[in-house]
Amino acid sequence: MPWKIGTKQTTKAVEQGLAARVFVARDADPRLTGKIVELCRQAEIEVEWVDRMADLGRRCGIDVGAASAAWIPDGP
């Protein structure tokens, strides 16, 4: 799956209308994730919560934790 990983990349993907779904770690700092969650609500993009940043990082195929990630579907 194509991912945009991290707060800045996730925010950009949502703002550009590229994200089909956004994943947010529950243990991430709410000051980092609050804006993304609100943007998703406004754009009607589903937010899926993941328990830990480490789990989200592994889900995205990286060896470090991630506060948020956006799933970008393949082209039409």
N, C-alpha and C. Protein backbone atom coordinates (compact mmCIF):
# COMPACT_ATOMS: atom_id res chain seq x y z
N MET A 1 0.84 -1.18 0.00
CA MET A 1 0.00 0.00 0.00
C MET A 1 0.88 1.25 0.00
N PRO A 2 0.54 2.19 -0.79
CA PRO A 2 1.31 3.45 -0.77
C PRO A 2 0.92 4.29 0.46
N TRP A 3 1.92 4.70 1.20
CA TRP A 3 1.70 5.44 2.45
C TRP A 3 2.38 6.80 2.39
N LYS A 4 1.80 7.75 3.08
CA LYS A 4 2.47 8.99 3.44
C LYS A 4 2.57 8.92 4.95
N ILE A 5 3.79 8.93 5.47
CA ILE A 5 4.02 8.66 6.88
C ILE A 5 4.54 9.91 7.58
N GLY A 6 4.01 10.17 8.77
CA GLY A 6 4.43 11.30 9.57
C GLY A 6 3.40 12.41 9.53
N THR A 7 3.48 13.28 10.51
CA THR A 7 2.48 14.32 10.67
C THR A 7 2.42 15.27 9.47
N LYS A 8 3.57 15.75 9.03
CA LYS A 8 3.58 16.71 7.91
C LYS A 8 3.08 16.08 6.63
N GLN A 9 3.56 14.88 6.32
CA GLN A 9 3.16 14.21 5.09
C GLN A 9 1.68 13.82 5.11
N THR A 10 1.20 13.39 6.27
CA THR A 10 -0.21 13.03 6.40
C THR A 10 -1.09 14.26 6.21
N THR A 11 -0.72 15.35 6.86
CA THR A 11 -1.48 16.60 6.72
C THR A 11 -1.53 17.03 5.26
N LYS A 12 -0.40 16.99 4.59
CA LYS A 12 -0.34 17.39 3.18
C LYS A 12 -1.24 16.50 2.32
N ALA A 13 -1.21 15.20 2.56
CA ALA A 13 -2.04 14.27 1.79
C ALA A 13 -3.53 14.54 1.98
N VAL A 14 -3.93 14.87 3.22
CA VAL A 14 -5.33 15.19 3.50
C VAL A 14 -5.71 16.50 2.82
N GLU A 15 -4.87 17.50 2.96
CA GLU A 15 -5.15 18.81 2.37
C GLU A 15 -5.25 18.74 0.84
N GLN A 16 -4.46 17.86 0.23
CA GLN A 16 -4.48 17.72 -1.22
C GLN A 16 -5.56 16.77 -1.72
N GLY A 17 -6.30 16.17 -0.79
CA GLY A 17 -7.37 15.27 -1.18
C GLY A 17 -6.89 13.92 -1.68
N LEU A 18 -5.68 13.52 -1.31
CA LEU A 18 -5.11 12.25 -1.78
C LEU A 18 -5.40 11.09 -0.84
N ALA A 19 -5.59 11.38 0.43
CA ALA A 19 -5.74 10.33 1.45
C ALA A 19 -7.12 9.69 1.38
N ALA A 20 -7.13 8.37 1.35
CA ALA A 20 -8.40 7.64 1.40
C ALA A 20 -8.76 7.30 2.85
N ARG A 21 -7.73 7.10 3.66
CA ARG A 21 -7.93 6.77 5.08
C ARG A 21 -6.69 7.25 5.83
N VAL A 22 -6.90 7.67 7.05
CA VAL A 22 -5.79 8.15 7.87
C VAL A 22 -5.72 7.31 9.15
N PHE A 23 -4.52 6.97 9.53
CA PHE A 23 -4.27 6.19 10.74
C PHE A 23 -3.55 7.09 11.73
N VAL A 24 -4.01 7.08 12.99
CA VAL A 24 -3.43 7.92 14.03
C VAL A 24 -3.14 7.05 15.25
N ALA A 25 -1.95 7.23 15.82
CA ALA A 25 -1.57 6.48 17.01
C ALA A 25 -2.15 7.14 18.25
N ARG A 26 -2.76 6.34 19.11
CA ARG A 26 -3.37 6.85 20.34
C ARG A 26 -2.34 7.42 21.30
N ASP A 27 -1.11 6.91 21.27
CA ASP A 27 -0.10 7.39 22.20
C ASP A 27 0.72 8.56 21.66
N ALA A 28 0.35 9.08 20.51
CA ALA A 28 1.03 10.25 19.95
C ALA A 28 0.55 11.51 20.64
N ASP A 29 1.37 12.52 20.63
CA ASP A 29 1.03 13.80 21.25
C ASP A 29 -0.19 14.41 20.55
N PRO A 30 -1.26 14.68 21.28
CA PRO A 30 -2.47 15.26 20.68
C PRO A 30 -2.22 16.61 20.01
N ARG A 31 -1.17 17.32 20.43
CA ARG A 31 -0.84 18.58 19.76
C ARG A 31 -0.39 18.33 18.33
N LEU A 32 0.15 17.14 18.06
CA LEU A 32 0.56 16.78 16.70
C LEU A 32 -0.60 16.22 15.89
N THR A 33 -1.44 15.45 16.54
CA THR A 33 -2.48 14.72 15.80
C THR A 33 -3.82 15.43 15.75
N GLY A 34 -4.04 16.40 16.63
CA GLY A 34 -5.33 17.07 16.69
C GLY A 34 -5.72 17.74 15.38
N LYS A 35 -4.77 18.42 14.75
CA LYS A 35 -5.06 19.10 13.48
C LYS A 35 -5.43 18.09 12.40
N ILE A 36 -4.71 16.98 12.36
CA ILE A 36 -4.99 15.97 11.34
C ILE A 36 -6.39 15.39 11.52
N VAL A 37 -6.73 15.08 12.75
CA VAL A 37 -8.05 14.52 13.03
C VAL A 37 -9.15 15.50 12.62
N GLU A 38 -8.95 16.77 12.92
CA GLU A 38 -9.93 17.79 12.54
C GLU A 38 -10.02 17.95 11.02
N LEU A 39 -8.88 17.95 10.34
CA LEU A 39 -8.89 18.03 8.88
C LEU A 39 -9.64 16.84 8.27
N CYS A 40 -9.42 15.67 8.83
CA CYS A 40 -10.11 14.47 8.34
C CYS A 40 -11.61 14.59 8.55
N ARG A 41 -12.00 15.11 9.70
CA ARG A 41 -13.43 15.28 9.98
C ARG A 41 -14.05 16.22 8.94
N GLN A 42 -13.37 17.32 8.67
CA GLN A 42 -13.88 18.29 7.71
C GLN A 42 -13.94 17.71 6.30
N ALA A 43 -12.94 16.89 5.94
CA ALA A 43 -12.87 16.31 4.60
C ALA A 43 -13.63 14.99 4.49
N GLU A 44 -14.23 14.57 5.60
CA GLU A 44 -14.97 13.31 5.66
C GLU A 44 -14.09 12.11 5.27
N ILE A 45 -12.88 12.12 5.82
CA ILE A 45 -11.94 11.02 5.64
C ILE A 45 -11.93 10.20 6.93
N GLU A 46 -12.06 8.90 6.78
CA GLU A 46 -12.11 8.02 7.95
C GLU A 46 -10.76 8.01 8.68
N VAL A 47 -10.83 8.11 10.00
CA VAL A 47 -9.65 8.01 10.85
C VAL A 47 -9.71 6.67 11.57
N GLU A 48 -8.66 5.91 11.44
CA GLU A 48 -8.56 4.64 12.16
C GLU A 48 -7.48 4.81 13.24
N TRP A 49 -7.86 4.52 14.47
CA TRP A 49 -6.93 4.67 15.59
C TRP A 49 -6.14 3.38 15.80
N VAL A 50 -4.84 3.56 16.03
CA VAL A 50 -3.92 2.46 16.30
C VAL A 50 -3.37 2.69 17.71
N ASP A 51 -3.25 1.63 18.51
CA ASP A 51 -2.88 1.79 19.91
C ASP A 51 -1.53 2.50 20.13
N ARG A 52 -0.53 2.09 19.37
CA ARG A 52 0.81 2.62 19.64
C ARG A 52 1.50 3.09 18.38
N MET A 53 2.38 4.09 18.53
CA MET A 53 3.15 4.60 17.41
C MET A 53 4.00 3.50 16.79
N ALA A 54 4.57 2.65 17.63
CA ALA A 54 5.41 1.55 17.13
C ALA A 54 4.59 0.62 16.24
N ASP A 55 3.34 0.35 16.63
CA ASP A 55 2.48 -0.52 15.83
C ASP A 55 2.17 0.12 14.47
N LEU A 56 1.91 1.42 14.48
CA LEU A 56 1.63 2.11 13.23
C LEU A 56 2.84 2.12 12.32
N GLY A 57 4.01 2.34 12.89
CA GLY A 57 5.23 2.28 12.08
C GLY A 57 5.40 0.93 11.42
N ARG A 58 5.21 -0.14 12.18
CA ARG A 58 5.34 -1.49 11.61
C ARG A 58 4.30 -1.72 10.52
N ARG A 59 3.08 -1.25 10.75
CA ARG A 59 2.01 -1.41 9.76
C ARG A 59 2.38 -0.74 8.44
N CYS A 60 3.13 0.36 8.55
CA CYS A 60 3.55 1.10 7.36
C CYS A 60 4.85 0.56 6.76
N GLY A 61 5.44 -0.41 7.42
CA GLY A 61 6.66 -1.02 6.90
C GLY A 61 7.94 -0.28 7.25
N ILE A 62 7.91 0.50 8.36
CA ILE A 62 9.11 1.18 8.79
C ILE A 62 9.52 0.67 10.17
N ASP A 63 10.78 0.90 10.53
CA ASP A 63 11.33 0.37 11.78
C ASP A 63 11.21 1.32 12.96
N VAL A 64 10.58 2.46 12.76
CA VAL A 64 10.39 3.44 13.84
C VAL A 64 8.90 3.73 13.98
N GLY A 65 8.54 4.36 15.08
CA GLY A 65 7.14 4.69 15.30
C GLY A 65 6.68 5.83 14.40
N ALA A 66 5.38 5.93 14.25
CA ALA A 66 4.78 7.02 13.48
C ALA A 66 3.54 7.51 14.21
N ALA A 67 3.39 8.83 14.31
CA ALA A 67 2.22 9.41 14.96
C ALA A 67 0.99 9.28 14.07
N SER A 68 1.21 9.41 12.77
CA SER A 68 0.09 9.32 11.83
C SER A 68 0.60 8.88 10.47
N ALA A 69 -0.33 8.37 9.68
CA ALA A 69 -0.02 7.95 8.32
C ALA A 69 -1.29 8.03 7.48
N ALA A 70 -1.10 8.33 6.22
CA ALA A 70 -2.24 8.38 5.29
C ALA A 70 -2.06 7.27 4.27
N TRP A 71 -3.13 6.57 4.00
CA TRP A 71 -3.13 5.55 2.95
C TRP A 71 -3.60 6.22 1.67
N ILE A 72 -2.77 6.13 0.65
CA ILE A 72 -3.06 6.72 -0.65
C ILE A 72 -3.34 5.57 -1.61
N PRO A 73 -4.57 5.47 -2.10
CA PRO A 73 -4.88 4.35 -3.00
C PRO A 73 -4.16 4.48 -4.33
N ASP A 74 -3.97 3.35 -4.98
CA ASP A 74 -3.38 3.36 -6.32
C ASP A 74 -4.32 4.10 -7.24
N GLY A 75 -3.81 4.49 -8.39
CA GLY A 75 -4.61 5.25 -9.36
C GLY A 75 -5.90 4.57 -9.75
N PRO A 76 -6.68 5.22 -10.61
CA PRO A 76 -8.00 4.71 -10.98
C PRO A 76 -8.01 3.32 -11.56
